[in-house]
Amino acid sequence: MNSPSINASLSRWLQTVGLCLLLAGPSGLAANPSPLADLLQARYISLQGQLTHNTFNRPLHLASTESAEELKGDIYAVLDQPFESVQQGTRNIDNWCDILILHLNVKHCRAISSPSAQALKVYIGKKHDEPLGKSFPVNFSFRVAATTPDYLRIRLQADTGPLGTNNYRITFEAVPLPEGRTFLHLAYSYDYGLTARLAMKGYLATIGSGKVGFSTIETRPDGTPVLISGVRGVVERNTMRYYLAIEAYLKSLTAPPTEQLERRLHHWFAATEQYRQQLHELEEADYLAMKHKEVLRQQTLVEADEPN
């Protein structure tokens, strides 16, 4: 006759075997997702309400934080593209210049690769056409921190940025979802000291006056939302612009190579116009003319011709 302790041990063993069989793949071996993949998958589950019910008209959740020295924006979203396509489209450093140039403030980008390191030299400027010499070069280190069948993590980091900002960080991570979809997380942050605070104060008092972000801070008696403004509004707008650039680039990959540039330019602009209150800066014709010029410069300009 079996003792209660033996029965309990047998029960636990059967439960473990059953779980392994459920997780087993075609080879019969249990899947072994990375801890970071588990965390992002758990985040996807916890955000089901926000991804389903929001004001973005797409499965997307945006959050921002402001501390004494740091501004940060986070976007979590579901893409209707398989994880393998997202992984192949983003882990190559050269593709990131095609992604980043879609952003209004990115005027030029060059990928630099060596046996020991990879980097992106990105020129940040104003939202309209301007000479490259008036923009600010930001040197991002580029690292594919993880790339496995169940997880992707890419890190861009720069020590200094324009107007006294520093410690720029862009983190992109993704995991596969059922039915050929992908769940991704984009984090965009930077630190800012006194110089940057004064510059931001001047911007918000002039051309940035009246601009808002996406987060609702309160609701008026008539039901209309009051949207975040100030520096958190700035970081939310830029986080969204970078996310839409990634989305536009990935969606363009299904087109023939000769059509991909036009596809992603039009997609990025159309996507930003869905959030016209926050993101509208130029008319489409002006945006396309500016970006065609910048892309051509990006394709033809050599390092020796870049401004110091």
C-alpha atoms as a PDB file:
ATOM      1  CA  MET A   1       0.000   0.000   0.000  1.00  0.00           C
ATOM      2  CA  ASN A   2       1.380   3.423  -1.012  1.00  0.00           C
ATOM      3  CA  SER A   3       1.992   5.996   1.693  1.00  0.00           C
ATOM      4  CA  PRO A   4       0.464   9.519   1.383  1.00  0.00           C
ATOM      5  CA  SER A   5       3.948  11.003   0.852  1.00  0.00           C
ATOM      6  CA  ILE A   6       4.667   8.635  -2.039  1.00  0.00           C
ATOM      7  CA  ASN A   7       1.280   9.414  -3.603  1.00  0.00           C
ATOM      8  CA  ALA A   8       1.951  13.139  -3.299  1.00  0.00           C
ATOM      9  CA  SER A   9       5.375  12.781  -4.905  1.00  0.00           C
ATOM     10  CA  LEU A  10       3.910  10.721  -7.738  1.00  0.00           C
ATOM     11  CA  SER A  11       1.208  13.330  -8.297  1.00  0.00           C
ATOM     12  CA  ARG A  12       3.758  16.135  -8.524  1.00  0.00           C
ATOM     13  CA  TRP A  13       5.864  14.059 -10.939  1.00  0.00           C
ATOM     14  CA  LEU A  14       2.864  13.407 -13.183  1.00  0.00           C
ATOM     15  CA  GLN A  15       1.976  17.107 -13.182  1.00  0.00           C
ATOM     16  CA  THR A  16       5.552  17.965 -14.174  1.00  0.00           C
ATOM     17  CA  VAL A  17       5.547  15.407 -16.982  1.00  0.00           C
ATOM     18  CA  GLY A  18       2.202  16.711 -18.182  1.00  0.00           C
ATOM     19  CA  LEU A  19       3.476  20.276 -18.243  1.00  0.00           C
ATOM     20  CA  CYS A  20       6.560  19.228 -20.190  1.00  0.00           C
ATOM     21  CA  LEU A  21       4.417  17.431 -22.737  1.00  0.00           C
ATOM     22  CA  LEU A  22       2.269  20.519 -23.174  1.00  0.00           C
ATOM     23  CA  LEU A  23       5.361  22.631 -23.778  1.00  0.00           C
ATOM     24  CA  ALA A  24       7.017  20.078 -26.014  1.00  0.00           C
ATOM     25  CA  GLY A  25       7.701  21.050 -29.602  1.00  0.00           C
ATOM     26  CA  PRO A  26       7.832  18.852 -32.689  1.00  0.00           C
ATOM     27  CA  SER A  27      11.051  17.228 -31.450  1.00  0.00           C
ATOM     28  CA  GLY A  28       9.396  16.196 -28.218  1.00  0.00           C
ATOM     29  CA  LEU A  29      11.733  18.377 -26.157  1.00  0.00           C
ATOM     30  CA  ALA A  30      10.290  21.007 -23.832  1.00  0.00           C
ATOM     31  CA  ALA A  31      10.598  24.601 -24.921  1.00  0.00           C
ATOM     32  CA  ASN A  32      13.026  26.642 -22.840  1.00  0.00           C
ATOM     33  CA  PRO A  33      12.195  30.332 -23.228  1.00  0.00           C
ATOM     34  CA  SER A  34      14.628  32.878 -21.809  1.00  0.00           C
ATOM     35  CA  PRO A  35      13.722  34.751 -18.599  1.00  0.00           C
ATOM     36  CA  LEU A  36      13.509  38.035 -20.523  1.00  0.00           C
ATOM     37  CA  ALA A  37      11.147  36.418 -23.027  1.00  0.00           C
ATOM     38  CA  ASP A  38       9.024  35.181 -20.120  1.00  0.00           C
ATOM     39  CA  LEU A  39       8.892  38.696 -18.666  1.00  0.00           C
ATOM     40  CA  LEU A  40       7.776  40.251 -21.947  1.00  0.00           C
ATOM     41  CA  GLN A  41       5.194  37.523 -22.517  1.00  0.00           C
ATOM     42  CA  ALA A  42       3.886  38.170 -18.994  1.00  0.00           C
ATOM     43  CA  ARG A  43       3.727  41.873 -19.803  1.00  0.00           C
ATOM     44  CA  TYR A  44       1.635  41.073 -22.871  1.00  0.00           C
ATOM     45  CA  ILE A  45      -0.836  39.159 -20.718  1.00  0.00           C
ATOM     46  CA  SER A  46      -1.019  41.899 -18.090  1.00  0.00           C
ATOM     47  CA  LEU A  47      -1.716  44.574 -20.736  1.00  0.00           C
ATOM     48  CA  GLN A  48      -4.628  42.834 -22.423  1.00  0.00           C
ATOM     49  CA  GLY A  49      -7.104  45.455 -21.241  1.00  0.00           C
ATOM     50  CA  GLN A  50      -5.000  48.398 -22.402  1.00  0.00           C
ATOM     51  CA  LEU A  51      -4.146  46.783 -25.740  1.00  0.00           C
ATOM     52  CA  THR A  52      -7.797  46.057 -26.441  1.00  0.00           C
ATOM     53  CA  HIS A  53      -9.412  49.267 -25.186  1.00  0.00           C
ATOM     54  CA  ASN A  54      -7.564  52.500 -25.941  1.00  0.00           C
ATOM     55  CA  THR A  55      -7.702  55.679 -27.997  1.00  0.00           C
ATOM     56  CA  PHE A  56      -5.067  54.581 -30.541  1.00  0.00           C
ATOM     57  CA  ASN A  57      -7.375  52.369 -32.634  1.00  0.00           C
ATOM     58  CA  ARG A  58      -4.686  49.686 -32.607  1.00  0.00           C
ATOM     59  CA  PRO A  59      -3.298  47.237 -30.023  1.00  0.00           C
ATOM     60  CA  LEU A  60      -0.886  49.707 -28.424  1.00  0.00           C
ATOM     61  CA  HIS A  61      -0.154  50.999 -24.937  1.00  0.00           C
ATOM     62  CA  LEU A  62       1.970  54.090 -24.234  1.00  0.00           C
ATOM     63  CA  ALA A  63       3.298  55.291 -20.888  1.00  0.00           C
ATOM     64  CA  SER A  64       5.745  57.990 -19.856  1.00  0.00           C
ATOM     65  CA  THR A  65       7.641  58.947 -16.718  1.00  0.00           C
ATOM     66  CA  GLU A  66       9.535  62.001 -15.574  1.00  0.00           C
ATOM     67  CA  SER A  67      12.064  62.067 -12.751  1.00  0.00           C
ATOM     68  CA  ALA A  68      14.465  64.745 -11.563  1.00  0.00           C
ATOM     69  CA  GLU A  69      16.948  63.856 -14.314  1.00  0.00           C
ATOM     70  CA  GLU A  70      15.301  61.422 -16.734  1.00  0.00           C
ATOM     71  CA  LEU A  71      12.490  61.398 -19.274  1.00  0.00           C
ATOM     72  CA  LYS A  72      11.237  58.057 -20.557  1.00  0.00           C
ATOM     73  CA  GLY A  73       8.562  56.781 -22.898  1.00  0.00           C
ATOM     74  CA  ASP A  74       7.464  53.149 -23.288  1.00  0.00           C
ATOM     75  CA  ILE A  75       5.336  51.660 -26.043  1.00  0.00           C
ATOM     76  CA  TYR A  76       3.981  48.107 -26.042  1.00  0.00           C
ATOM     77  CA  ALA A  77       2.267  46.989 -29.216  1.00  0.00           C
ATOM     78  CA  VAL A  78       1.157  43.995 -31.269  1.00  0.00           C
ATOM     79  CA  LEU A  79       2.258  43.766 -34.899  1.00  0.00           C
ATOM     80  CA  ASP A  80       0.529  41.589 -37.484  1.00  0.00           C
ATOM     81  CA  GLN A  81       3.880  40.263 -38.649  1.00  0.00           C
ATOM     82  CA  PRO A  82       5.693  37.062 -37.723  1.00  0.00           C
ATOM     83  CA  PHE A  83       8.474  37.262 -35.181  1.00  0.00           C
ATOM     84  CA  GLU A  84      11.015  35.897 -37.678  1.00  0.00           C
ATOM     85  CA  SER A  85      10.340  38.835 -40.038  1.00  0.00           C
ATOM     86  CA  VAL A  86      10.651  41.361 -37.209  1.00  0.00           C
ATOM     87  CA  GLN A  87      13.881  39.747 -36.070  1.00  0.00           C
ATOM     88  CA  GLN A  88      15.413  39.678 -39.546  1.00  0.00           C
ATOM     89  CA  GLY A  89      14.329  43.259 -40.247  1.00  0.00           C
ATOM     90  CA  THR A  90      15.758  44.859 -37.105  1.00  0.00           C
ATOM     91  CA  ARG A  91      18.882  42.988 -36.006  1.00  0.00           C
ATOM     92  CA  ASN A  92      20.957  44.317 -38.936  1.00  0.00           C
ATOM     93  CA  ILE A  93      22.486  47.691 -38.052  1.00  0.00           C
ATOM     94  CA  ASP A  94      22.222  49.004 -41.638  1.00  0.00           C
ATOM     95  CA  ASN A  95      18.428  48.727 -41.517  1.00  0.00           C
ATOM     96  CA  TRP A  96      18.265  51.105 -38.577  1.00  0.00           C
ATOM     97  CA  CYS A  97      19.338  54.068 -40.691  1.00  0.00           C
ATOM     98  CA  ASP A  98      16.375  53.323 -42.969  1.00  0.00           C
ATOM     99  CA  ILE A  99      14.173  53.238 -39.865  1.00  0.00           C
ATOM    100  CA  LEU A 100      15.472  56.324 -38.079  1.00  0.00           C
ATOM    101  CA  ILE A 101      15.499  58.618 -41.130  1.00  0.00           C
ATOM    102  CA  LEU A 102      11.682  58.472 -41.204  1.00  0.00           C
ATOM    103  CA  HIS A 103      11.554  60.586 -38.010  1.00  0.00           C
ATOM    104  CA  LEU A 104      11.158  64.309 -38.686  1.00  0.00           C
ATOM    105  CA  ASN A 105      14.130  65.285 -36.532  1.00  0.00           C
ATOM    106  CA  VAL A 106      16.564  62.736 -37.979  1.00  0.00           C
ATOM    107  CA  LYS A 107      18.393  64.421 -40.836  1.00  0.00           C
ATOM    108  CA  HIS A 108      21.092  61.838 -41.600  1.00  0.00           C
ATOM    109  CA  CYS A 109      22.312  58.457 -40.365  1.00  0.00           C
ATOM    110  CA  ARG A 110      25.405  56.358 -41.014  1.00  0.00           C
ATOM    111  CA  ALA A 111      26.101  52.833 -39.775  1.00  0.00           C
ATOM    112  CA  ILE A 112      29.675  52.118 -38.659  1.00  0.00           C
ATOM    113  CA  SER A 113      30.792  48.525 -38.200  1.00  0.00           C
ATOM    114  CA  SER A 114      34.114  47.092 -37.055  1.00  0.00           C
ATOM    115  CA  PRO A 115      35.160  43.688 -35.751  1.00  0.00           C
ATOM    116  CA  SER A 116      34.853  44.953 -32.180  1.00  0.00           C
ATOM    117  CA  ALA A 117      31.813  47.247 -32.211  1.00  0.00           C
ATOM    118  CA  GLN A 118      28.901  48.688 -34.148  1.00  0.00           C
ATOM    119  CA  ALA A 119      27.627  52.262 -34.030  1.00  0.00           C
ATOM    120  CA  LEU A 120      25.151  54.651 -35.616  1.00  0.00           C
ATOM    121  CA  LYS A 121      26.069  58.288 -36.237  1.00  0.00           C
ATOM    122  CA  VAL A 122      22.718  60.074 -36.240  1.00  0.00           C
ATOM    123  CA  TYR A 123      22.266  63.772 -37.008  1.00  0.00           C
ATOM    124  CA  ILE A 124      19.386  65.403 -35.106  1.00  0.00           C
ATOM    125  CA  GLY A 125      17.901  68.666 -36.354  1.00  0.00           C
ATOM    126  CA  LYS A 126      14.724  70.645 -36.759  1.00  0.00           C
ATOM    127  CA  LYS A 127      11.480  69.307 -38.191  1.00  0.00           C
ATOM    128  CA  HIS A 128      11.894  71.109 -41.508  1.00  0.00           C
ATOM    129  CA  ASP A 129      14.534  71.001 -44.229  1.00  0.00           C
ATOM    130  CA  GLU A 130      17.887  72.428 -43.152  1.00  0.00           C
ATOM    131  CA  PRO A 131      21.581  72.074 -44.017  1.00  0.00           C
ATOM    132  CA  LEU A 132      23.253  69.099 -42.383  1.00  0.00           C
ATOM    133  CA  GLY A 133      25.822  71.381 -40.798  1.00  0.00           C
ATOM    134  CA  LYS A 134      23.120  72.873 -38.565  1.00  0.00           C
ATOM    135  CA  SER A 135      22.157  69.518 -37.062  1.00  0.00           C
ATOM    136  CA  PHE A 136      23.706  67.815 -34.026  1.00  0.00           C
ATOM    137  CA  PRO A 137      25.577  64.493 -34.377  1.00  0.00           C
ATOM    138  CA  VAL A 138      24.650  61.824 -31.841  1.00  0.00           C
ATOM    139  CA  ASN A 139      26.851  58.730 -31.689  1.00  0.00           C
ATOM    140  CA  PHE A 140      24.861  55.644 -30.705  1.00  0.00           C
ATOM    141  CA  SER A 141      26.487  52.368 -29.845  1.00  0.00           C
ATOM    142  CA  PHE A 142      24.463  49.511 -31.355  1.00  0.00           C
ATOM    143  CA  ARG A 143      24.200  46.066 -29.820  1.00  0.00           C
ATOM    144  CA  VAL A 144      22.020  43.051 -30.461  1.00  0.00           C
ATOM    145  CA  ALA A 145      21.818  42.044 -26.805  1.00  0.00           C
ATOM    146  CA  ALA A 146      19.802  38.871 -27.451  1.00  0.00           C
ATOM    147  CA  THR A 147      18.532  37.039 -30.500  1.00  0.00           C
ATOM    148  CA  THR A 148      16.952  33.613 -29.981  1.00  0.00           C
ATOM    149  CA  PRO A 149      13.965  31.793 -31.505  1.00  0.00           C
ATOM    150  CA  ASP A 150      11.748  33.262 -28.781  1.00  0.00           C
ATOM    151  CA  TYR A 151      13.263  36.678 -27.993  1.00  0.00           C
ATOM    152  CA  LEU A 152      14.989  39.701 -29.536  1.00  0.00           C
ATOM    153  CA  ARG A 153      16.592  42.625 -27.718  1.00  0.00           C
ATOM    154  CA  ILE A 154      18.457  45.518 -29.339  1.00  0.00           C
ATOM    155  CA  ARG A 155      20.138  48.394 -27.517  1.00  0.00           C
ATOM    156  CA  LEU A 156      21.157  51.825 -28.815  1.00  0.00           C
ATOM    157  CA  GLN A 157      22.956  54.150 -26.412  1.00  0.00           C
ATOM    158  CA  ALA A 158      24.623  57.555 -26.740  1.00  0.00           C
ATOM    159  CA  ASP A 159      26.525  59.461 -24.072  1.00  0.00           C
ATOM    160  CA  THR A 160      25.539  62.944 -25.282  1.00  0.00           C
ATOM    161  CA  GLY A 161      22.728  64.538 -27.275  1.00  0.00           C
ATOM    162  CA  PRO A 162      21.595  67.987 -28.417  1.00  0.00           C
ATOM    163  CA  LEU A 163      20.952  70.919 -26.097  1.00  0.00           C
ATOM    164  CA  GLY A 164      22.692  69.473 -23.061  1.00  0.00           C
ATOM    165  CA  THR A 165      20.849  66.148 -23.018  1.00  0.00           C
ATOM    166  CA  ASN A 166      22.782  62.954 -22.333  1.00  0.00           C
ATOM    167  CA  ASN A 167      22.584  59.213 -21.777  1.00  0.00           C
ATOM    168  CA  TYR A 168      20.209  58.497 -24.674  1.00  0.00           C
ATOM    169  CA  ARG A 169      18.832  54.956 -24.645  1.00  0.00           C
ATOM    170  CA  ILE A 170      16.626  53.190 -27.177  1.00  0.00           C
ATOM    171  CA  THR A 171      15.714  49.611 -26.321  1.00  0.00           C
ATOM    172  CA  PHE A 172      13.735  47.416 -28.687  1.00  0.00           C
ATOM    173  CA  GLU A 173      12.584  43.961 -27.669  1.00  0.00           C
ATOM    174  CA  ALA A 174      10.106  41.481 -29.130  1.00  0.00           C
ATOM    175  CA  VAL A 175       8.606  38.029 -28.630  1.00  0.00           C
ATOM    176  CA  PRO A 176       6.473  35.828 -30.901  1.00  0.00           C
ATOM    177  CA  LEU A 177       2.718  35.543 -30.478  1.00  0.00           C
ATOM    178  CA  PRO A 178       0.322  32.959 -31.921  1.00  0.00           C
ATOM    179  CA  GLU A 179      -1.121  33.378 -35.421  1.00  0.00           C
ATOM    180  CA  GLY A 180       2.004  34.959 -36.889  1.00  0.00           C
ATOM    181  CA  ARG A 181       2.000  38.078 -34.734  1.00  0.00           C
ATOM    182  CA  THR A 182       4.676  39.785 -32.623  1.00  0.00           C
ATOM    183  CA  PHE A 183       4.558  41.627 -29.318  1.00  0.00           C
ATOM    184  CA  LEU A 184       7.131  44.383 -29.016  1.00  0.00           C
ATOM    185  CA  HIS A 185       8.352  46.907 -26.489  1.00  0.00           C
ATOM    186  CA  LEU A 186      10.109  50.154 -27.398  1.00  0.00           C
ATOM    187  CA  ALA A 187      11.704  52.208 -24.621  1.00  0.00           C
ATOM    188  CA  TYR A 188      13.093  55.676 -25.375  1.00  0.00           C
ATOM    189  CA  SER A 189      14.759  57.751 -22.667  1.00  0.00           C
ATOM    190  CA  TYR A 190      17.382  60.383 -21.976  1.00  0.00           C
ATOM    191  CA  ASP A 191      18.741  62.461 -19.117  1.00  0.00           C
ATOM    192  CA  TYR A 192      18.679  66.234 -19.046  1.00  0.00           C
ATOM    193  CA  GLY A 193      20.466  68.749 -16.872  1.00  0.00           C
ATOM    194  CA  LEU A 194      20.187  72.499 -16.379  1.00  0.00           C
ATOM    195  CA  THR A 195      21.118  73.458 -19.948  1.00  0.00           C
ATOM    196  CA  ALA A 196      18.562  71.063 -21.405  1.00  0.00           C
ATOM    197  CA  ARG A 197      15.900  72.216 -18.942  1.00  0.00           C
ATOM    198  CA  LEU A 198      16.382  75.846 -19.956  1.00  0.00           C
ATOM    199  CA  ALA A 199      16.273  74.945 -23.653  1.00  0.00           C
ATOM    200  CA  MET A 200      13.126  72.869 -23.135  1.00  0.00           C
ATOM    201  CA  LYS A 201      11.513  75.680 -21.158  1.00  0.00           C
ATOM    202  CA  GLY A 202      12.148  78.057 -24.056  1.00  0.00           C
ATOM    203  CA  TYR A 203      10.732  75.572 -26.579  1.00  0.00           C
ATOM    204  CA  LEU A 204       7.601  74.940 -24.534  1.00  0.00           C
ATOM    205  CA  ALA A 205       7.038  78.670 -24.119  1.00  0.00           C
ATOM    206  CA  THR A 206       7.263  79.360 -27.864  1.00  0.00           C
ATOM    207  CA  ILE A 207       6.856  76.914 -30.774  1.00  0.00           C
ATOM    208  CA  GLY A 208       6.092  74.048 -28.379  1.00  0.00           C
ATOM    209  CA  SER A 209       3.309  75.962 -26.675  1.00  0.00           C
ATOM    210  CA  GLY A 210      -0.002  74.153 -26.802  1.00  0.00           C
ATOM    211  CA  LYS A 211       1.477  70.825 -27.883  1.00  0.00           C
ATOM    212  CA  VAL A 212       0.272  67.738 -26.032  1.00  0.00           C
ATOM    213  CA  GLY A 213       1.105  64.083 -25.650  1.00  0.00           C
ATOM    214  CA  PHE A 214      -1.184  61.061 -25.471  1.00  0.00           C
ATOM    215  CA  SER A 215      -1.706  60.322 -21.778  1.00  0.00           C
ATOM    216  CA  THR A 216      -4.888  61.569 -20.128  1.00  0.00           C
ATOM    217  CA  ILE A 217      -4.202  63.323 -16.824  1.00  0.00           C
ATOM    218  CA  GLU A 218      -7.841  64.157 -16.027  1.00  0.00           C
ATOM    219  CA  THR A 219     -11.291  64.302 -17.556  1.00  0.00           C
ATOM    220  CA  ARG A 220     -13.339  67.484 -17.777  1.00  0.00           C
ATOM    221  CA  PRO A 221     -16.971  67.560 -16.558  1.00  0.00           C
ATOM    222  CA  ASP A 222     -18.154  67.284 -20.185  1.00  0.00           C
ATOM    223  CA  GLY A 223     -16.165  64.071 -20.625  1.00  0.00           C
ATOM    224  CA  THR A 224     -13.353  65.440 -22.794  1.00  0.00           C
ATOM    225  CA  PRO A 225      -9.827  64.392 -21.747  1.00  0.00           C
ATOM    226  CA  VAL A 226      -7.043  66.702 -20.609  1.00  0.00           C
ATOM    227  CA  LEU A 227      -3.852  65.435 -22.260  1.00  0.00           C
ATOM    228  CA  ILE A 228      -0.361  65.553 -20.822  1.00  0.00           C
ATOM    229  CA  SER A 229       1.788  68.492 -21.923  1.00  0.00           C
ATOM    230  CA  GLY A 230       5.238  69.790 -21.037  1.00  0.00           C
ATOM    231  CA  VAL A 231       8.305  67.556 -21.164  1.00  0.00           C
ATOM    232  CA  ARG A 232       6.321  64.335 -20.812  1.00  0.00           C
ATOM    233  CA  GLY A 233       4.309  65.376 -23.835  1.00  0.00           C
ATOM    234  CA  VAL A 234       7.593  65.823 -25.735  1.00  0.00           C
ATOM    235  CA  VAL A 235       8.912  62.363 -24.871  1.00  0.00           C
ATOM    236  CA  GLU A 236       5.564  60.724 -25.672  1.00  0.00           C
ATOM    237  CA  ARG A 237       5.453  62.319 -29.111  1.00  0.00           C
ATOM    238  CA  ASN A 238       8.984  61.244 -29.959  1.00  0.00           C
ATOM    239  CA  THR A 239       8.507  57.721 -28.632  1.00  0.00           C
ATOM    240  CA  MET A 240       5.457  57.376 -30.873  1.00  0.00           C
ATOM    241  CA  ARG A 241       7.348  58.738 -33.878  1.00  0.00           C
ATOM    242  CA  TYR A 242      10.134  56.197 -33.394  1.00  0.00           C
ATOM    243  CA  TYR A 243       7.641  53.367 -32.930  1.00  0.00           C
ATOM    244  CA  LEU A 244       5.780  54.316 -36.117  1.00  0.00           C
ATOM    245  CA  ALA A 245       9.111  54.397 -37.961  1.00  0.00           C
ATOM    246  CA  ILE A 246       9.823  50.810 -36.894  1.00  0.00           C
ATOM    247  CA  GLU A 247       6.294  49.769 -37.864  1.00  0.00           C
ATOM    248  CA  ALA A 248       6.499  51.504 -41.259  1.00  0.00           C
ATOM    249  CA  TYR A 249       9.855  49.932 -42.049  1.00  0.00           C
ATOM    250  CA  LEU A 250       8.721  46.407 -41.157  1.00  0.00           C
ATOM    251  CA  LYS A 251       5.510  46.734 -43.171  1.00  0.00           C
ATOM    252  CA  SER A 252       7.451  47.951 -46.208  1.00  0.00           C
ATOM    253  CA  LEU A 253       9.489  44.734 -46.378  1.00  0.00           C
ATOM    254  CA  THR A 254       6.636  42.885 -48.066  1.00  0.00           C
ATOM    255  CA  ALA A 255       6.908  45.213 -51.099  1.00  0.00           C
ATOM    256  CA  PRO A 256       9.437  44.805 -53.925  1.00  0.00           C
ATOM    257  CA  PRO A 257      12.779  46.437 -52.986  1.00  0.00           C
ATOM    258  CA  THR A 258      12.270  49.262 -55.502  1.00  0.00           C
ATOM    259  CA  GLU A 259       8.976  50.213 -53.832  1.00  0.00           C
ATOM    260  CA  GLN A 260       9.940  49.910 -50.183  1.00  0.00           C
ATOM    261  CA  LEU A 261      11.133  53.481 -49.633  1.00  0.00           C
ATOM    262  CA  GLU A 262       7.921  55.022 -50.960  1.00  0.00           C
ATOM    263  CA  ARG A 263       5.872  52.499 -49.026  1.00  0.00           C
ATOM    264  CA  ARG A 264       7.437  53.332 -45.681  1.00  0.00           C
ATOM    265  CA  LEU A 265       7.474  57.114 -46.239  1.00  0.00           C
ATOM    266  CA  HIS A 266       3.765  57.145 -47.038  1.00  0.00           C
ATOM    267  CA  HIS A 267       2.940  54.715 -44.247  1.00  0.00           C
ATOM    268  CA  TRP A 268       4.859  56.730 -41.626  1.00  0.00           C
ATOM    269  CA  PHE A 269       3.193  59.992 -42.601  1.00  0.00           C
ATOM    270  CA  ALA A 270      -0.300  58.449 -42.788  1.00  0.00           C
ATOM    271  CA  ALA A 271       0.188  56.805 -39.384  1.00  0.00           C
ATOM    272  CA  THR A 272       1.265  60.069 -37.754  1.00  0.00           C
ATOM    273  CA  GLU A 273      -1.751  61.840 -39.237  1.00  0.00           C
ATOM    274  CA  GLN A 274      -3.989  59.451 -37.286  1.00  0.00           C
ATOM    275  CA  TYR A 275      -2.728  61.407 -34.263  1.00  0.00           C
ATOM    276  CA  ARG A 276      -2.761  64.805 -35.891  1.00  0.00           C
ATOM    277  CA  GLN A 277      -3.323  66.707 -32.643  1.00  0.00           C
ATOM    278  CA  GLN A 278      -0.023  65.391 -31.284  1.00  0.00           C
ATOM    279  CA  LEU A 279       2.156  64.698 -34.312  1.00  0.00           C
ATOM    280  CA  HIS A 280       1.234  66.940 -37.225  1.00  0.00           C
ATOM    281  CA  GLU A 281       4.068  69.276 -38.257  1.00  0.00           C
ATOM    282  CA  LEU A 282       4.213  69.296 -42.079  1.00  0.00           C
ATOM    283  CA  GLU A 283       1.953  68.634 -45.006  1.00  0.00           C
ATOM    284  CA  GLU A 284       2.612  65.348 -46.789  1.00  0.00           C
ATOM    285  CA  ALA A 285       4.182  66.932 -49.882  1.00  0.00           C
ATOM    286  CA  ASP A 286       6.651  68.864 -47.713  1.00  0.00           C
ATOM    287  CA  TYR A 287       7.504  65.781 -45.652  1.00  0.00           C
ATOM    288  CA  LEU A 288       8.081  63.643 -48.753  1.00  0.00           C
ATOM    289  CA  ALA A 289      10.247  66.281 -50.450  1.00  0.00           C
ATOM    290  CA  MET A 290      12.384  66.712 -47.320  1.00  0.00           C
ATOM    291  CA  LYS A 291      12.804  62.985 -46.753  1.00  0.00           C
ATOM    292  CA  HIS A 292      13.611  62.198 -50.375  1.00  0.00           C
ATOM    293  CA  LYS A 293      16.415  64.752 -50.149  1.00  0.00           C
ATOM    294  CA  GLU A 294      17.669  63.361 -46.824  1.00  0.00           C
ATOM    295  CA  VAL A 295      17.508  59.732 -47.969  1.00  0.00           C
ATOM    296  CA  LEU A 296      19.439  60.570 -51.135  1.00  0.00           C
ATOM    297  CA  ARG A 297      22.060  62.337 -49.015  1.00  0.00           C
ATOM    298  CA  GLN A 298      22.179  59.340 -46.707  1.00  0.00           C
ATOM    299  CA  GLN A 299      22.807  57.033 -49.657  1.00  0.00           C
ATOM    300  CA  THR A 300      25.473  59.144 -51.339  1.00  0.00           C
ATOM    301  CA  LEU A 301      27.304  61.154 -48.680  1.00  0.00           C
ATOM    302  CA  VAL A 302      30.621  59.667 -47.586  1.00  0.00           C
ATOM    303  CA  GLU A 303      32.182  60.133 -44.167  1.00  0.00           C
ATOM    304  CA  ALA A 304      34.663  62.726 -45.399  1.00  0.00           C
ATOM    305  CA  ASP A 305      31.796  64.971 -46.564  1.00  0.00           C
ATOM    306  CA  GLU A 306      29.957  64.953 -43.245  1.00  0.00           C
ATOM    307  CA  PRO A 307      30.225  68.088 -41.055  1.00  0.00           C
ATOM    308  CA  ASN A 308      32.629  67.901 -38.157  1.00  0.00           C
END
